[in-house]
């Protein structure tokens, strides 16, 4: 683990907390032990991790390959996602709870998908990538109580009237955040979400009609 992490630090220029040496080693031992007992853990957030933390996931895949070869086991790609989160947490010095961020992002994306009749997101779509980035940093700021916005009531009024369907979706997100996390989203945050969702759905309709 020490050799692998040090190599990642050098190649990627990442500053990692020393706790990663123990946490990753412990996780790998546990994963191999579970596999020997016929237990495979499914990573329900694997897709979100791949999208939100692409670089760390690639590192996780590289580590997965080494672990499988060294210990002659067949751990699945689910474990690469778990490995990636160790690097994300260590990279942020323990400040960011990457697992919780992934859950919040997943919950919001799920609302959008269901609101628009199981609309499928295109992973390589520019608007979708921007939306993901926005959600990631929204969740991060929310978890660390760093949400500070300047209310723009006039613009918010115009946008919610102009993009009524997208705003309806945002109201569902508002209710989820209120119910799950006791957080009342600001008008400014609802404004940005409405614009992002509008752009994604417009582009989705455009591509569908090609």
C-alpha atoms as a PDB file:
ATOM      1  CA  UNK A   1       0.000   0.000   0.000  1.00  0.00           C
ATOM      2  CA  UNK A   2       2.818   2.358   0.900  1.00  0.00           C
ATOM      3  CA  UNK A   3       4.562   1.799  -2.442  1.00  0.00           C
ATOM      4  CA  UNK A   4       1.356   2.262  -4.434  1.00  0.00           C
ATOM      5  CA  UNK A   5       0.215   5.420  -2.617  1.00  0.00           C
ATOM      6  CA  UNK A   6       3.667   6.993  -2.817  1.00  0.00           C
ATOM      7  CA  UNK A   7       3.723   6.294  -6.558  1.00  0.00           C
ATOM      8  CA  UNK A   8       0.314   7.981  -6.956  1.00  0.00           C
ATOM      9  CA  UNK A   9       1.542  10.995  -4.982  1.00  0.00           C
ATOM     10  CA  UNK A  10       4.531  11.354  -7.284  1.00  0.00           C
ATOM     11  CA  UNK A  11       2.708  10.768 -10.584  1.00  0.00           C
ATOM     12  CA  UNK A  12      -0.439  12.781  -9.851  1.00  0.00           C
ATOM     13  CA  UNK A  13       1.049  15.416  -7.572  1.00  0.00           C
ATOM     14  CA  UNK A  14      -1.629  14.620  -4.988  1.00  0.00           C
ATOM     15  CA  UNK A  15      -1.274  15.638  -1.354  1.00  0.00           C
ATOM     16  CA  UNK A  16      -2.716  12.772   0.642  1.00  0.00           C
ATOM     17  CA  UNK A  17      -3.310  12.398   4.360  1.00  0.00           C
ATOM     18  CA  UNK A  18      -1.149   9.642   5.889  1.00  0.00           C
ATOM     19  CA  UNK A  19      -4.309   7.940   7.195  1.00  0.00           C
ATOM     20  CA  UNK A  20      -4.830   6.492   3.694  1.00  0.00           C
ATOM     21  CA  UNK A  21      -2.081   3.901   4.224  1.00  0.00           C
ATOM     22  CA  UNK A  22      -4.040   2.285   7.050  1.00  0.00           C
ATOM     23  CA  UNK A  23      -7.573   2.860   5.750  1.00  0.00           C
ATOM     24  CA  UNK A  24      -6.865   1.358   2.318  1.00  0.00           C
ATOM     25  CA  UNK A  25      -4.898  -1.588   3.719  1.00  0.00           C
ATOM     26  CA  UNK A  26      -7.702  -2.302   6.160  1.00  0.00           C
ATOM     27  CA  UNK A  27     -10.331  -2.055   3.407  1.00  0.00           C
ATOM     28  CA  UNK A  28      -8.419  -4.407   1.098  1.00  0.00           C
ATOM     29  CA  UNK A  29      -7.969  -6.994   3.872  1.00  0.00           C
ATOM     30  CA  UNK A  30     -11.695  -6.801   4.601  1.00  0.00           C
ATOM     31  CA  UNK A  31     -12.650  -7.101   0.916  1.00  0.00           C
ATOM     32  CA  UNK A  32     -10.483 -10.207   0.433  1.00  0.00           C
ATOM     33  CA  UNK A  33     -11.825 -11.745   3.626  1.00  0.00           C
ATOM     34  CA  UNK A  34     -15.433 -11.125   2.526  1.00  0.00           C
ATOM     35  CA  UNK A  35     -14.711 -12.594  -0.899  1.00  0.00           C
ATOM     36  CA  UNK A  36     -13.287 -15.762   0.686  1.00  0.00           C
ATOM     37  CA  UNK A  37     -16.571 -16.076   2.566  1.00  0.00           C
ATOM     38  CA  UNK A  38     -18.595 -15.656  -0.608  1.00  0.00           C
ATOM     39  CA  UNK A  39     -19.653 -12.079   0.143  1.00  0.00           C
ATOM     40  CA  UNK A  40     -19.499  -9.352  -2.498  1.00  0.00           C
ATOM     41  CA  UNK A  41     -20.553  -5.815  -1.594  1.00  0.00           C
ATOM     42  CA  UNK A  42     -22.404  -3.928  -4.319  1.00  0.00           C
ATOM     43  CA  UNK A  43     -21.378  -0.293  -4.583  1.00  0.00           C
ATOM     44  CA  UNK A  44     -24.706   1.463  -5.149  1.00  0.00           C
ATOM     45  CA  UNK A  45     -22.900   4.736  -5.862  1.00  0.00           C
ATOM     46  CA  UNK A  46     -20.417   3.344  -8.392  1.00  0.00           C
ATOM     47  CA  UNK A  47     -21.777   5.318 -11.356  1.00  0.00           C
ATOM     48  CA  UNK A  48     -21.803   8.561  -9.368  1.00  0.00           C
ATOM     49  CA  UNK A  49     -18.247   7.962  -8.131  1.00  0.00           C
ATOM     50  CA  UNK A  50     -17.040   7.306 -11.694  1.00  0.00           C
ATOM     51  CA  UNK A  51     -18.577  10.583 -12.837  1.00  0.00           C
ATOM     52  CA  UNK A  52     -17.792  12.808  -9.850  1.00  0.00           C
ATOM     53  CA  UNK A  53     -14.295  11.519  -9.115  1.00  0.00           C
ATOM     54  CA  UNK A  54     -13.019  10.312 -12.473  1.00  0.00           C
ATOM     55  CA  UNK A  55      -9.296  10.624 -11.690  1.00  0.00           C
ATOM     56  CA  UNK A  56      -9.630   8.875  -8.340  1.00  0.00           C
ATOM     57  CA  UNK A  57     -11.707   6.112  -9.922  1.00  0.00           C
ATOM     58  CA  UNK A  58      -8.985   5.478 -12.519  1.00  0.00           C
ATOM     59  CA  UNK A  59      -6.506   5.175  -9.634  1.00  0.00           C
ATOM     60  CA  UNK A  60      -8.942   2.783  -7.950  1.00  0.00           C
ATOM     61  CA  UNK A  61      -9.053   0.609 -11.073  1.00  0.00           C
ATOM     62  CA  UNK A  62      -5.258   0.494 -11.197  1.00  0.00           C
ATOM     63  CA  UNK A  63      -5.128  -0.532  -7.546  1.00  0.00           C
ATOM     64  CA  UNK A  64      -7.844  -3.147  -8.125  1.00  0.00           C
ATOM     65  CA  UNK A  65      -5.770  -4.741 -10.883  1.00  0.00           C
ATOM     66  CA  UNK A  66      -2.685  -4.890  -8.630  1.00  0.00           C
ATOM     67  CA  UNK A  67      -4.623  -6.343  -5.692  1.00  0.00           C
ATOM     68  CA  UNK A  68      -6.263  -9.022  -7.857  1.00  0.00           C
ATOM     69  CA  UNK A  69      -2.904 -10.028  -9.332  1.00  0.00           C
ATOM     70  CA  UNK A  70      -0.965  -9.973  -6.066  1.00  0.00           C
ATOM     71  CA  UNK A  71      -3.487 -11.910  -3.996  1.00  0.00           C
ATOM     72  CA  UNK A  72      -4.867 -14.008  -6.867  1.00  0.00           C
ATOM     73  CA  UNK A  73      -8.451 -12.915  -6.213  1.00  0.00           C
ATOM     74  CA  UNK A  74     -11.249 -11.519  -8.366  1.00  0.00           C
ATOM     75  CA  UNK A  75     -12.528  -8.384  -6.636  1.00  0.00           C
ATOM     76  CA  UNK A  76     -15.090  -6.535  -8.768  1.00  0.00           C
ATOM     77  CA  UNK A  77     -15.130  -2.971 -10.091  1.00  0.00           C
ATOM     78  CA  UNK A  78     -17.363  -2.095  -7.140  1.00  0.00           C
ATOM     79  CA  UNK A  79     -14.228  -2.184  -4.996  1.00  0.00           C
ATOM     80  CA  UNK A  80     -12.452   0.262  -7.341  1.00  0.00           C
ATOM     81  CA  UNK A  81     -15.212   2.727  -6.449  1.00  0.00           C
ATOM     82  CA  UNK A  82     -14.611   2.176  -2.738  1.00  0.00           C
ATOM     83  CA  UNK A  83     -10.851   2.599  -3.265  1.00  0.00           C
ATOM     84  CA  UNK A  84     -11.512   5.882  -5.093  1.00  0.00           C
ATOM     85  CA  UNK A  85     -13.391   7.298  -2.102  1.00  0.00           C
ATOM     86  CA  UNK A  86     -10.384   6.621   0.132  1.00  0.00           C
ATOM     87  CA  UNK A  87      -8.276   8.788  -2.166  1.00  0.00           C
ATOM     88  CA  UNK A  88     -10.925  11.519  -2.308  1.00  0.00           C
ATOM     89  CA  UNK A  89     -11.183  11.684   1.474  1.00  0.00           C
ATOM     90  CA  UNK A  90      -7.408  11.638   1.948  1.00  0.00           C
ATOM     91  CA  UNK A  91      -6.927  14.283  -0.763  1.00  0.00           C
ATOM     92  CA  UNK A  92      -9.322  16.639   0.994  1.00  0.00           C
ATOM     93  CA  UNK A  93      -7.549  16.196   4.298  1.00  0.00           C
ATOM     94  CA  UNK A  94     -10.591  14.528   5.782  1.00  0.00           C
ATOM     95  CA  UNK A  95     -12.730  17.653   5.321  1.00  0.00           C
ATOM     96  CA  UNK A  96     -15.014  16.311   2.614  1.00  0.00           C
ATOM     97  CA  UNK A  97     -17.297  13.381   3.295  1.00  0.00           C
ATOM     98  CA  UNK A  98     -17.203  12.007  -0.241  1.00  0.00           C
ATOM     99  CA  UNK A  99     -19.634   9.187   0.514  1.00  0.00           C
ATOM    100  CA  UNK A 100     -22.273  11.616   1.801  1.00  0.00           C
ATOM    101  CA  UNK A 101     -21.678  13.938  -1.148  1.00  0.00           C
ATOM    102  CA  UNK A 102     -22.261  11.018  -3.524  1.00  0.00           C
ATOM    103  CA  UNK A 103     -25.509  10.147  -1.724  1.00  0.00           C
ATOM    104  CA  UNK A 104     -26.872  13.704  -1.971  1.00  0.00           C
ATOM    105  CA  UNK A 105     -25.914  13.948  -5.653  1.00  0.00           C
ATOM    106  CA  UNK A 106     -27.498  10.539  -6.300  1.00  0.00           C
ATOM    107  CA  UNK A 107     -30.725  11.594  -4.559  1.00  0.00           C
ATOM    108  CA  UNK A 108     -31.011  14.775  -6.629  1.00  0.00           C
ATOM    109  CA  UNK A 109     -30.258  13.013  -9.920  1.00  0.00           C
ATOM    110  CA  UNK A 110     -32.844  10.366  -9.051  1.00  0.00           C
ATOM    111  CA  UNK A 111     -35.495  13.057  -8.559  1.00  0.00           C
ATOM    112  CA  UNK A 112     -34.676  14.639 -11.929  1.00  0.00           C
ATOM    113  CA  UNK A 113     -34.753  11.274 -13.731  1.00  0.00           C
ATOM    114  CA  UNK A 114     -38.130  10.318 -12.270  1.00  0.00           C
ATOM    115  CA  UNK A 115     -39.651  13.776 -12.729  1.00  0.00           C
ATOM    116  CA  UNK A 116     -38.871  13.601 -16.447  1.00  0.00           C
ATOM    117  CA  UNK A 117     -40.240  10.047 -16.931  1.00  0.00           C
ATOM    118  CA  UNK A 118     -37.019   8.093 -16.364  1.00  0.00           C
ATOM    119  CA  UNK A 119     -34.940  10.347 -18.575  1.00  0.00           C
ATOM    120  CA  UNK A 120     -31.496   8.838 -19.143  1.00  0.00           C
ATOM    121  CA  UNK A 121     -28.525  11.140 -18.640  1.00  0.00           C
ATOM    122  CA  UNK A 122     -25.724  11.092 -21.201  1.00  0.00           C
ATOM    123  CA  UNK A 123     -22.456  10.815 -19.272  1.00  0.00           C
ATOM    124  CA  UNK A 124     -20.429  12.682 -21.895  1.00  0.00           C
ATOM    125  CA  UNK A 125     -22.962  15.510 -22.280  1.00  0.00           C
ATOM    126  CA  UNK A 126     -21.443  18.908 -21.463  1.00  0.00           C
ATOM    127  CA  UNK A 127     -24.592  20.229 -19.714  1.00  0.00           C
ATOM    128  CA  UNK A 128     -24.802  17.065 -17.636  1.00  0.00           C
ATOM    129  CA  UNK A 129     -21.151  17.337 -16.608  1.00  0.00           C
ATOM    130  CA  UNK A 130     -21.686  20.957 -15.556  1.00  0.00           C
ATOM    131  CA  UNK A 131     -24.777  19.929 -13.587  1.00  0.00           C
ATOM    132  CA  UNK A 132     -22.826  17.179 -11.837  1.00  0.00           C
ATOM    133  CA  UNK A 133     -20.057  19.605 -10.907  1.00  0.00           C
ATOM    134  CA  UNK A 134     -22.607  22.057  -9.535  1.00  0.00           C
ATOM    135  CA  UNK A 135     -24.282  19.333  -7.458  1.00  0.00           C
ATOM    136  CA  UNK A 136     -20.949  18.089  -6.119  1.00  0.00           C
ATOM    137  CA  UNK A 137     -19.953  21.504  -4.828  1.00  0.00           C
ATOM    138  CA  UNK A 138     -23.456  22.272  -3.587  1.00  0.00           C
ATOM    139  CA  UNK A 139     -23.388  19.078  -1.505  1.00  0.00           C
ATOM    140  CA  UNK A 140     -19.874  19.838  -0.277  1.00  0.00           C
ATOM    141  CA  UNK A 141     -20.785  23.383   0.761  1.00  0.00           C
ATOM    142  CA  UNK A 142     -24.002  22.168   2.397  1.00  0.00           C
ATOM    143  CA  UNK A 143     -22.179  19.530   4.476  1.00  0.00           C
ATOM    144  CA  UNK A 144     -19.670  22.085   5.718  1.00  0.00           C
ATOM    145  CA  UNK A 145     -22.175  24.899   6.257  1.00  0.00           C
ATOM    146  CA  UNK A 146     -20.551  27.071   3.605  1.00  0.00           C
ATOM    147  CA  UNK A 147     -23.683  28.023   1.668  1.00  0.00           C
ATOM    148  CA  UNK A 148     -23.682  31.798   1.229  1.00  0.00           C
ATOM    149  CA  UNK A 149     -25.617  33.379  -1.614  1.00  0.00           C
ATOM    150  CA  UNK A 150     -26.841  36.806  -2.682  1.00  0.00           C
ATOM    151  CA  UNK A 151     -30.575  36.606  -3.203  1.00  0.00           C
ATOM    152  CA  UNK A 152     -31.669  37.825  -6.645  1.00  0.00           C
ATOM    153  CA  UNK A 153     -35.437  37.872  -6.300  1.00  0.00           C
ATOM    154  CA  UNK A 154     -36.201  39.578  -9.605  1.00  0.00           C
ATOM    155  CA  UNK A 155     -34.157  37.109 -11.665  1.00  0.00           C
ATOM    156  CA  UNK A 156     -35.536  34.176  -9.667  1.00  0.00           C
ATOM    157  CA  UNK A 157     -39.102  35.352 -10.379  1.00  0.00           C
ATOM    158  CA  UNK A 158     -38.385  35.580 -14.121  1.00  0.00           C
ATOM    159  CA  UNK A 159     -36.660  32.168 -14.315  1.00  0.00           C
ATOM    160  CA  UNK A 160     -39.320  30.235 -12.393  1.00  0.00           C
ATOM    161  CA  UNK A 161     -42.015  31.713 -14.647  1.00  0.00           C
ATOM    162  CA  UNK A 162     -40.049  31.078 -17.839  1.00  0.00           C
ATOM    163  CA  UNK A 163     -38.948  27.522 -16.927  1.00  0.00           C
ATOM    164  CA  UNK A 164     -41.987  26.280 -15.035  1.00  0.00           C
ATOM    165  CA  UNK A 165     -41.390  22.559 -15.599  1.00  0.00           C
ATOM    166  CA  UNK A 166     -37.747  22.733 -14.502  1.00  0.00           C
ATOM    167  CA  UNK A 167     -38.762  24.810 -11.484  1.00  0.00           C
ATOM    168  CA  UNK A 168     -41.367  22.173 -10.589  1.00  0.00           C
ATOM    169  CA  UNK A 169     -38.551  19.625 -10.513  1.00  0.00           C
ATOM    170  CA  UNK A 170     -36.458  21.912  -8.303  1.00  0.00           C
ATOM    171  CA  UNK A 171     -39.359  22.184  -5.849  1.00  0.00           C
ATOM    172  CA  UNK A 172     -39.220  18.390  -5.493  1.00  0.00           C
ATOM    173  CA  UNK A 173     -35.488  18.672  -4.748  1.00  0.00           C
ATOM    174  CA  UNK A 174     -36.278  21.414  -2.211  1.00  0.00           C
ATOM    175  CA  UNK A 175     -38.755  19.117  -0.434  1.00  0.00           C
ATOM    176  CA  UNK A 176     -36.221  16.264  -0.366  1.00  0.00           C
ATOM    177  CA  UNK A 177     -33.519  18.482   1.172  1.00  0.00           C
ATOM    178  CA  UNK A 178     -36.000  19.788   3.716  1.00  0.00           C
ATOM    179  CA  UNK A 179     -37.275  16.344   4.666  1.00  0.00           C
ATOM    180  CA  UNK A 180     -33.979  14.431   4.596  1.00  0.00           C
ATOM    181  CA  UNK A 181     -31.560  17.092   5.832  1.00  0.00           C
ATOM    182  CA  UNK A 182     -33.769  19.757   7.478  1.00  0.00           C
ATOM    183  CA  UNK A 183     -32.338  22.300   5.058  1.00  0.00           C
ATOM    184  CA  UNK A 184     -34.361  24.996   3.290  1.00  0.00           C
ATOM    185  CA  UNK A 185     -32.648  25.791  -0.007  1.00  0.00           C
ATOM    186  CA  UNK A 186     -32.182  29.464  -0.830  1.00  0.00           C
ATOM    187  CA  UNK A 187     -33.853  31.111  -3.827  1.00  0.00           C
ATOM    188  CA  UNK A 188     -30.414  31.597  -5.336  1.00  0.00           C
ATOM    189  CA  UNK A 189     -29.634  27.874  -5.174  1.00  0.00           C
ATOM    190  CA  UNK A 190     -33.041  27.033  -6.615  1.00  0.00           C
ATOM    191  CA  UNK A 191     -32.365  29.534  -9.403  1.00  0.00           C
ATOM    192  CA  UNK A 192     -29.091  27.848 -10.413  1.00  0.00           C
ATOM    193  CA  UNK A 193     -30.628  24.365 -10.250  1.00  0.00           C
ATOM    194  CA  UNK A 194     -33.576  25.458 -12.405  1.00  0.00           C
ATOM    195  CA  UNK A 195     -31.245  26.823 -15.091  1.00  0.00           C
ATOM    196  CA  UNK A 196     -29.068  23.685 -15.078  1.00  0.00           C
ATOM    197  CA  UNK A 197     -32.068  21.347 -15.317  1.00  0.00           C
ATOM    198  CA  UNK A 198     -33.626  23.437 -18.082  1.00  0.00           C
ATOM    199  CA  UNK A 199     -30.438  23.254 -20.163  1.00  0.00           C
ATOM    200  CA  UNK A 200     -30.132  19.470 -19.689  1.00  0.00           C
ATOM    201  CA  UNK A 201     -33.750  18.784 -20.640  1.00  0.00           C
ATOM    202  CA  UNK A 202     -33.650  21.115 -23.640  1.00  0.00           C
ATOM    203  CA  UNK A 203     -30.533  19.386 -24.929  1.00  0.00           C
ATOM    204  CA  UNK A 204     -32.074  15.963 -24.230  1.00  0.00           C
ATOM    205  CA  UNK A 205     -35.120  16.869 -26.344  1.00  0.00           C
ATOM    206  CA  UNK A 206     -32.890  18.249 -29.110  1.00  0.00           C
ATOM    207  CA  UNK A 207     -30.818  15.041 -29.306  1.00  0.00           C
ATOM    208  CA  UNK A 208     -33.965  12.900 -29.184  1.00  0.00           C
ATOM    209  CA  UNK A 209     -35.380  14.709 -32.218  1.00  0.00           C
ATOM    210  CA  UNK A 210     -32.252  14.339 -34.356  1.00  0.00           C
END
